[in-house]
Amino acid sequence: MGYKERRAKMIAEQAAPYLEPGEQIQTGFITVTGSGIFTVPAETIVVTDRAILVVGRGKVQRHPRDFWFGKPTGLYHKIELDRTYKVHRQWYQEIAAADEALREAQTHDDPAVGEQ
């Protein structure tokens, strides 16, 4: 099992207790606190087909799935949900995948969205 597969498995295991029946994970990534070499993993953001879950310290918050994470730039990308989350650039591919999954879902729901 490669590095990416291990990361995906870890995120799926953290999210599993909080998923609703039939809910599917689309992607996920870890946020950090601190800066530079002194960063510490904080919460895990798990993007599903129904919600955005913020999992950390034995708690979970559910947010609507209609959130756009935006194009990540720099060393850390800031995400504003209930507070500011920082995501290291090693997770930028997952952030892009989350926005792409939302775009596809919205296009599927409303074909006119894809024409814009």
N, C-alpha and C. Protein backbone atom coordinates (compact mmCIF):
# COMPACT_ATOMS: atom_id res chain seq x y z
N MET A 1 0.85 -1.17 0.00
CA MET A 1 0.00 0.00 0.00
C MET A 1 0.90 1.24 0.00
N GLY A 2 0.65 2.14 -0.94
CA GLY A 2 1.46 3.35 -1.07
C GLY A 2 1.04 4.44 -0.09
N TYR A 3 1.80 5.51 -0.11
CA TYR A 3 1.57 6.64 0.80
C TYR A 3 0.17 7.23 0.66
N LYS A 4 -0.27 7.48 -0.58
CA LYS A 4 -1.59 8.07 -0.78
C LYS A 4 -2.70 7.14 -0.30
N GLU A 5 -2.54 5.86 -0.54
CA GLU A 5 -3.55 4.89 -0.10
C GLU A 5 -3.62 4.83 1.43
N ARG A 6 -2.45 4.92 2.08
CA ARG A 6 -2.44 4.91 3.55
C ARG A 6 -3.12 6.16 4.10
N ARG A 7 -2.87 7.31 3.47
CA ARG A 7 -3.53 8.56 3.91
C ARG A 7 -5.04 8.45 3.75
N ALA A 8 -5.50 7.94 2.62
CA ALA A 8 -6.94 7.81 2.37
C ALA A 8 -7.57 6.84 3.37
N LYS A 9 -6.86 5.75 3.67
CA LYS A 9 -7.38 4.77 4.63
C LYS A 9 -7.48 5.38 6.03
N MET A 10 -6.47 6.15 6.42
CA MET A 10 -6.48 6.79 7.73
C MET A 10 -7.66 7.76 7.86
N ILE A 11 -7.90 8.55 6.84
CA ILE A 11 -9.00 9.51 6.85
C ILE A 11 -10.34 8.78 6.90
N ALA A 12 -10.47 7.72 6.13
CA ALA A 12 -11.71 6.94 6.13
C ALA A 12 -11.97 6.33 7.51
N GLU A 13 -10.94 5.85 8.17
CA GLU A 13 -11.10 5.26 9.50
C GLU A 13 -11.53 6.32 10.52
N GLN A 14 -10.96 7.52 10.43
CA GLN A 14 -11.34 8.59 11.35
C GLN A 14 -12.79 9.02 11.15
N ALA A 15 -13.24 9.01 9.91
CA ALA A 15 -14.59 9.49 9.59
C ALA A 15 -15.67 8.43 9.80
N ALA A 16 -15.31 7.17 9.72
CA ALA A 16 -16.29 6.08 9.73
C ALA A 16 -17.35 6.18 10.83
N PRO A 17 -17.00 6.48 12.08
CA PRO A 17 -18.04 6.51 13.12
C PRO A 17 -19.05 7.64 12.94
N TYR A 18 -18.75 8.62 12.10
CA TYR A 18 -19.59 9.80 11.98
C TYR A 18 -20.38 9.85 10.68
N LEU A 19 -20.21 8.85 9.82
CA LEU A 19 -20.92 8.84 8.55
C LEU A 19 -22.35 8.36 8.73
N GLU A 20 -23.26 8.95 7.97
CA GLU A 20 -24.64 8.50 7.95
C GLU A 20 -24.73 7.26 7.07
N PRO A 21 -25.77 6.44 7.23
CA PRO A 21 -25.91 5.26 6.37
C PRO A 21 -25.91 5.66 4.89
N GLY A 22 -25.07 5.01 4.12
CA GLY A 22 -24.99 5.26 2.69
C GLY A 22 -24.15 6.46 2.28
N GLU A 23 -23.67 7.23 3.24
CA GLU A 23 -22.86 8.41 2.92
C GLU A 23 -21.49 7.97 2.41
N GLN A 24 -21.02 8.60 1.35
CA GLN A 24 -19.77 8.22 0.70
C GLN A 24 -18.71 9.31 0.85
N ILE A 25 -17.50 8.92 1.22
CA ILE A 25 -16.38 9.86 1.32
C ILE A 25 -15.90 10.17 -0.09
N GLN A 26 -15.73 11.47 -0.37
CA GLN A 26 -15.18 11.89 -1.65
C GLN A 26 -13.67 12.14 -1.54
N THR A 27 -13.27 12.80 -0.47
CA THR A 27 -11.86 13.07 -0.22
C THR A 27 -11.70 13.58 1.21
N GLY A 28 -10.49 13.82 1.61
CA GLY A 28 -10.25 14.37 2.94
C GLY A 28 -8.81 14.83 3.07
N PHE A 29 -8.58 15.66 4.08
CA PHE A 29 -7.24 16.18 4.30
C PHE A 29 -7.11 16.62 5.75
N ILE A 30 -5.86 16.78 6.17
CA ILE A 30 -5.57 17.15 7.56
C ILE A 30 -5.21 18.62 7.63
N THR A 31 -5.75 19.30 8.62
CA THR A 31 -5.39 20.70 8.85
C THR A 31 -4.29 20.76 9.90
N VAL A 32 -3.63 21.91 9.99
CA VAL A 32 -2.54 22.06 10.95
C VAL A 32 -2.71 23.34 11.74
N THR A 33 -2.05 23.37 12.89
CA THR A 33 -1.93 24.60 13.67
C THR A 33 -0.45 24.92 13.76
N GLY A 34 -0.14 26.15 14.09
CA GLY A 34 1.25 26.57 14.16
C GLY A 34 1.73 27.06 12.81
N SER A 35 3.04 27.25 12.69
CA SER A 35 3.59 27.71 11.42
C SER A 35 5.01 27.18 11.25
N GLY A 36 5.46 27.18 10.00
CA GLY A 36 6.81 26.72 9.71
C GLY A 36 7.03 25.29 10.14
N ILE A 37 8.18 25.01 10.75
CA ILE A 37 8.50 23.64 11.16
C ILE A 37 7.77 23.24 12.44
N PHE A 38 7.05 24.18 13.04
CA PHE A 38 6.37 23.91 14.31
C PHE A 38 4.88 23.65 14.12
N THR A 39 4.50 23.05 13.00
CA THR A 39 3.09 22.74 12.78
C THR A 39 2.73 21.42 13.47
N VAL A 40 1.50 21.34 13.87
CA VAL A 40 0.98 20.15 14.54
C VAL A 40 -0.35 19.79 13.88
N PRO A 41 -0.57 18.50 13.55
CA PRO A 41 -1.86 18.13 12.98
C PRO A 41 -2.99 18.52 13.94
N ALA A 42 -4.04 19.05 13.38
CA ALA A 42 -5.18 19.48 14.20
C ALA A 42 -6.38 18.61 13.85
N GLU A 43 -7.29 19.14 13.07
CA GLU A 43 -8.49 18.40 12.69
C GLU A 43 -8.33 17.78 11.30
N THR A 44 -9.18 16.80 11.04
CA THR A 44 -9.26 16.21 9.71
C THR A 44 -10.56 16.68 9.08
N ILE A 45 -10.47 17.18 7.87
CA ILE A 45 -11.67 17.59 7.13
C ILE A 45 -11.98 16.47 6.15
N VAL A 46 -13.19 15.93 6.26
CA VAL A 46 -13.62 14.83 5.42
C VAL A 46 -14.79 15.34 4.58
N VAL A 47 -14.64 15.22 3.27
CA VAL A 47 -15.67 15.70 2.34
C VAL A 47 -16.44 14.49 1.85
N THR A 48 -17.75 14.50 2.07
CA THR A 48 -18.59 13.40 1.62
C THR A 48 -19.56 13.91 0.56
N ASP A 49 -20.38 13.00 0.06
CA ASP A 49 -21.37 13.40 -0.93
C ASP A 49 -22.51 14.20 -0.29
N ARG A 50 -22.57 14.28 1.03
CA ARG A 50 -23.66 14.97 1.72
C ARG A 50 -23.22 16.14 2.59
N ALA A 51 -21.98 16.13 3.06
CA ALA A 51 -21.56 17.12 4.05
C ALA A 51 -20.05 17.27 4.06
N ILE A 52 -19.62 18.25 4.82
CA ILE A 52 -18.20 18.41 5.14
C ILE A 52 -18.09 18.16 6.64
N LEU A 53 -17.29 17.17 7.01
CA LEU A 53 -17.11 16.83 8.41
C LEU A 53 -15.78 17.36 8.89
N VAL A 54 -15.78 17.98 10.05
CA VAL A 54 -14.53 18.38 10.70
C VAL A 54 -14.39 17.47 11.91
N VAL A 55 -13.41 16.56 11.84
CA VAL A 55 -13.23 15.54 12.87
C VAL A 55 -11.97 15.88 13.66
N GLY A 56 -12.12 15.95 14.98
CA GLY A 56 -10.95 16.22 15.81
C GLY A 56 -11.25 16.10 17.27
N ARG A 57 -10.32 15.57 17.99
CA ARG A 57 -10.40 15.46 19.45
C ARG A 57 -11.71 14.82 19.92
N GLY A 58 -12.12 13.76 19.25
CA GLY A 58 -13.31 13.03 19.65
C GLY A 58 -14.62 13.73 19.35
N LYS A 59 -14.57 14.82 18.58
CA LYS A 59 -15.79 15.55 18.23
C LYS A 59 -15.88 15.64 16.71
N VAL A 60 -17.08 15.90 16.24
CA VAL A 60 -17.29 16.11 14.81
C VAL A 60 -18.27 17.25 14.61
N GLN A 61 -18.03 18.03 13.59
CA GLN A 61 -18.96 19.08 13.17
C GLN A 61 -19.35 18.78 11.73
N ARG A 62 -20.64 18.93 11.44
CA ARG A 62 -21.13 18.74 10.07
C ARG A 62 -21.45 20.10 9.48
N HIS A 63 -20.94 20.34 8.27
CA HIS A 63 -21.21 21.57 7.54
C HIS A 63 -21.86 21.21 6.21
N PRO A 64 -22.62 22.13 5.63
CA PRO A 64 -23.26 21.86 4.33
C PRO A 64 -22.22 21.56 3.25
N ARG A 65 -22.59 20.72 2.31
CA ARG A 65 -21.67 20.30 1.25
C ARG A 65 -21.52 21.36 0.15
N ASP A 66 -22.24 22.44 0.23
CA ASP A 66 -22.20 23.45 -0.83
C ASP A 66 -21.03 24.42 -0.69
N PHE A 67 -20.04 24.10 0.09
CA PHE A 67 -18.89 24.97 0.35
C PHE A 67 -17.80 24.74 -0.70
N TRP A 68 -17.25 25.85 -1.23
CA TRP A 68 -16.13 25.79 -2.16
C TRP A 68 -14.84 26.08 -1.39
N PHE A 69 -13.84 25.22 -1.51
CA PHE A 69 -12.58 25.39 -0.80
C PHE A 69 -11.66 26.40 -1.49
N GLY A 70 -11.82 26.57 -2.79
CA GLY A 70 -11.01 27.54 -3.52
C GLY A 70 -9.70 26.96 -4.01
N LYS A 71 -9.07 27.69 -4.91
CA LYS A 71 -7.80 27.24 -5.48
C LYS A 71 -6.68 27.48 -4.47
N PRO A 72 -6.04 26.41 -4.01
CA PRO A 72 -4.98 26.56 -3.01
C PRO A 72 -3.71 27.15 -3.62
N THR A 73 -3.07 28.02 -2.85
CA THR A 73 -1.81 28.62 -3.27
C THR A 73 -0.89 28.74 -2.06
N GLY A 74 0.38 28.92 -2.31
CA GLY A 74 1.35 29.10 -1.24
C GLY A 74 1.63 27.82 -0.49
N LEU A 75 2.29 27.96 0.64
CA LEU A 75 2.64 26.81 1.45
C LEU A 75 1.44 26.28 2.23
N TYR A 76 0.58 27.19 2.71
CA TYR A 76 -0.62 26.82 3.46
C TYR A 76 -1.83 27.50 2.85
N HIS A 77 -2.90 26.76 2.66
CA HIS A 77 -4.16 27.30 2.17
C HIS A 77 -5.09 27.48 3.36
N LYS A 78 -5.69 28.65 3.47
CA LYS A 78 -6.61 28.91 4.58
C LYS A 78 -8.04 28.65 4.12
N ILE A 79 -8.77 27.94 4.97
CA ILE A 79 -10.17 27.61 4.72
C ILE A 79 -10.99 28.20 5.85
N GLU A 80 -12.03 28.94 5.51
CA GLU A 80 -12.91 29.56 6.50
C GLU A 80 -14.21 28.79 6.58
N LEU A 81 -14.36 27.95 7.57
CA LEU A 81 -15.64 27.27 7.83
C LEU A 81 -16.21 27.91 9.09
N ASP A 82 -16.24 27.19 10.19
CA ASP A 82 -16.66 27.77 11.47
C ASP A 82 -15.53 28.60 12.06
N ARG A 83 -14.31 28.37 11.60
CA ARG A 83 -13.12 29.13 11.97
C ARG A 83 -12.11 28.94 10.84
N THR A 84 -10.93 29.46 10.99
CA THR A 84 -9.91 29.33 9.96
C THR A 84 -9.11 28.04 10.16
N TYR A 85 -9.00 27.28 9.08
CA TYR A 85 -8.20 26.06 9.07
C TYR A 85 -7.07 26.25 8.07
N LYS A 86 -5.87 25.76 8.42
CA LYS A 86 -4.74 25.82 7.51
C LYS A 86 -4.44 24.42 6.99
N VAL A 87 -4.21 24.33 5.68
CA VAL A 87 -3.93 23.05 5.04
C VAL A 87 -2.60 23.16 4.31
N HIS A 88 -1.68 22.27 4.62
CA HIS A 88 -0.36 22.27 3.97
C HIS A 88 -0.49 21.87 2.51
N ARG A 89 0.42 22.33 1.69
CA ARG A 89 0.34 22.10 0.25
C ARG A 89 0.39 20.63 -0.15
N GLN A 90 0.85 19.75 0.73
CA GLN A 90 0.84 18.32 0.40
C GLN A 90 -0.58 17.79 0.19
N TRP A 91 -1.60 18.55 0.66
CA TRP A 91 -3.00 18.14 0.55
C TRP A 91 -3.75 18.90 -0.55
N TYR A 92 -3.05 19.70 -1.35
CA TYR A 92 -3.73 20.53 -2.34
C TYR A 92 -4.48 19.72 -3.39
N GLN A 93 -3.98 18.57 -3.72
CA GLN A 93 -4.67 17.71 -4.69
C GLN A 93 -6.05 17.29 -4.15
N GLU A 94 -6.13 17.04 -2.85
CA GLU A 94 -7.40 16.66 -2.24
C GLU A 94 -8.37 17.84 -2.19
N ILE A 95 -7.85 19.05 -1.96
CA ILE A 95 -8.71 20.24 -1.96
C ILE A 95 -9.31 20.43 -3.35
N ALA A 96 -8.48 20.30 -4.38
CA ALA A 96 -8.98 20.42 -5.75
C ALA A 96 -10.01 19.34 -6.06
N ALA A 97 -9.79 18.13 -5.55
CA ALA A 97 -10.74 17.03 -5.78
C ALA A 97 -12.09 17.32 -5.11
N ALA A 98 -12.06 17.95 -3.94
CA ALA A 98 -13.31 18.30 -3.25
C ALA A 98 -14.12 19.29 -4.06
N ASP A 99 -13.47 20.33 -4.59
CA ASP A 99 -14.19 21.31 -5.41
C ASP A 99 -14.68 20.69 -6.71
N GLU A 100 -13.89 19.81 -7.30
CA GLU A 100 -14.31 19.16 -8.55
C GLU A 100 -15.52 18.26 -8.31
N ALA A 101 -15.56 17.54 -7.19
CA ALA A 101 -16.71 16.70 -6.86
C ALA A 101 -17.97 17.54 -6.68
N LEU A 102 -17.84 18.71 -6.05
CA LEU A 102 -18.99 19.60 -5.87
C LEU A 102 -19.44 20.13 -7.23
N ARG A 103 -18.50 20.50 -8.08
CA ARG A 103 -18.83 21.00 -9.42
C ARG A 103 -19.61 19.93 -10.20
N GLU A 104 -19.14 18.70 -10.15
CA GLU A 104 -19.81 17.60 -10.84
C GLU A 104 -21.20 17.36 -10.29
N ALA A 105 -21.35 17.42 -8.97
CA ALA A 105 -22.66 17.21 -8.35
C ALA A 105 -23.63 18.31 -8.76
N GLN A 106 -23.17 19.54 -8.78
CA GLN A 106 -24.04 20.65 -9.16
C GLN A 106 -24.38 20.59 -10.64
N THR A 107 -23.45 20.18 -11.47
CA THR A 107 -23.71 20.04 -12.90
C THR A 107 -24.73 18.94 -13.14
N HIS A 108 -24.62 17.86 -12.37
CA HIS A 108 -25.56 16.74 -12.49
C HIS A 108 -26.96 17.18 -12.07
N ASP A 109 -27.05 17.98 -11.01
CA ASP A 109 -28.34 18.46 -10.52
C ASP A 109 -28.96 19.51 -11.44
N ASP A 110 -28.11 20.36 -12.04
CA ASP A 110 -28.57 21.45 -12.89
C ASP A 110 -27.65 21.54 -14.10
N PRO A 111 -28.03 20.93 -15.24
CA PRO A 111 -27.16 20.91 -16.41
C PRO A 111 -26.73 22.30 -16.88
N ALA A 112 -27.47 23.33 -16.57
CA ALA A 112 -27.11 24.69 -16.98
C ALA A 112 -25.84 25.16 -16.27
N VAL A 113 -25.53 24.60 -15.11
CA VAL A 113 -24.33 25.00 -14.36
C VAL A 113 -23.08 24.68 -15.17
N GLY A 114 -23.06 23.57 -15.85
CA GLY A 114 -21.90 23.17 -16.64
C GLY A 114 -21.67 24.05 -17.85
N GLU A 115 -22.68 24.81 -18.27
CA GLU A 115 -22.56 25.67 -19.45
C GLU A 115 -21.95 27.01 -19.12
N GLN A 116 -21.81 27.34 -17.84
CA GLN A 116 -21.31 28.65 -17.46
C GLN A 116 -19.81 28.75 -17.59
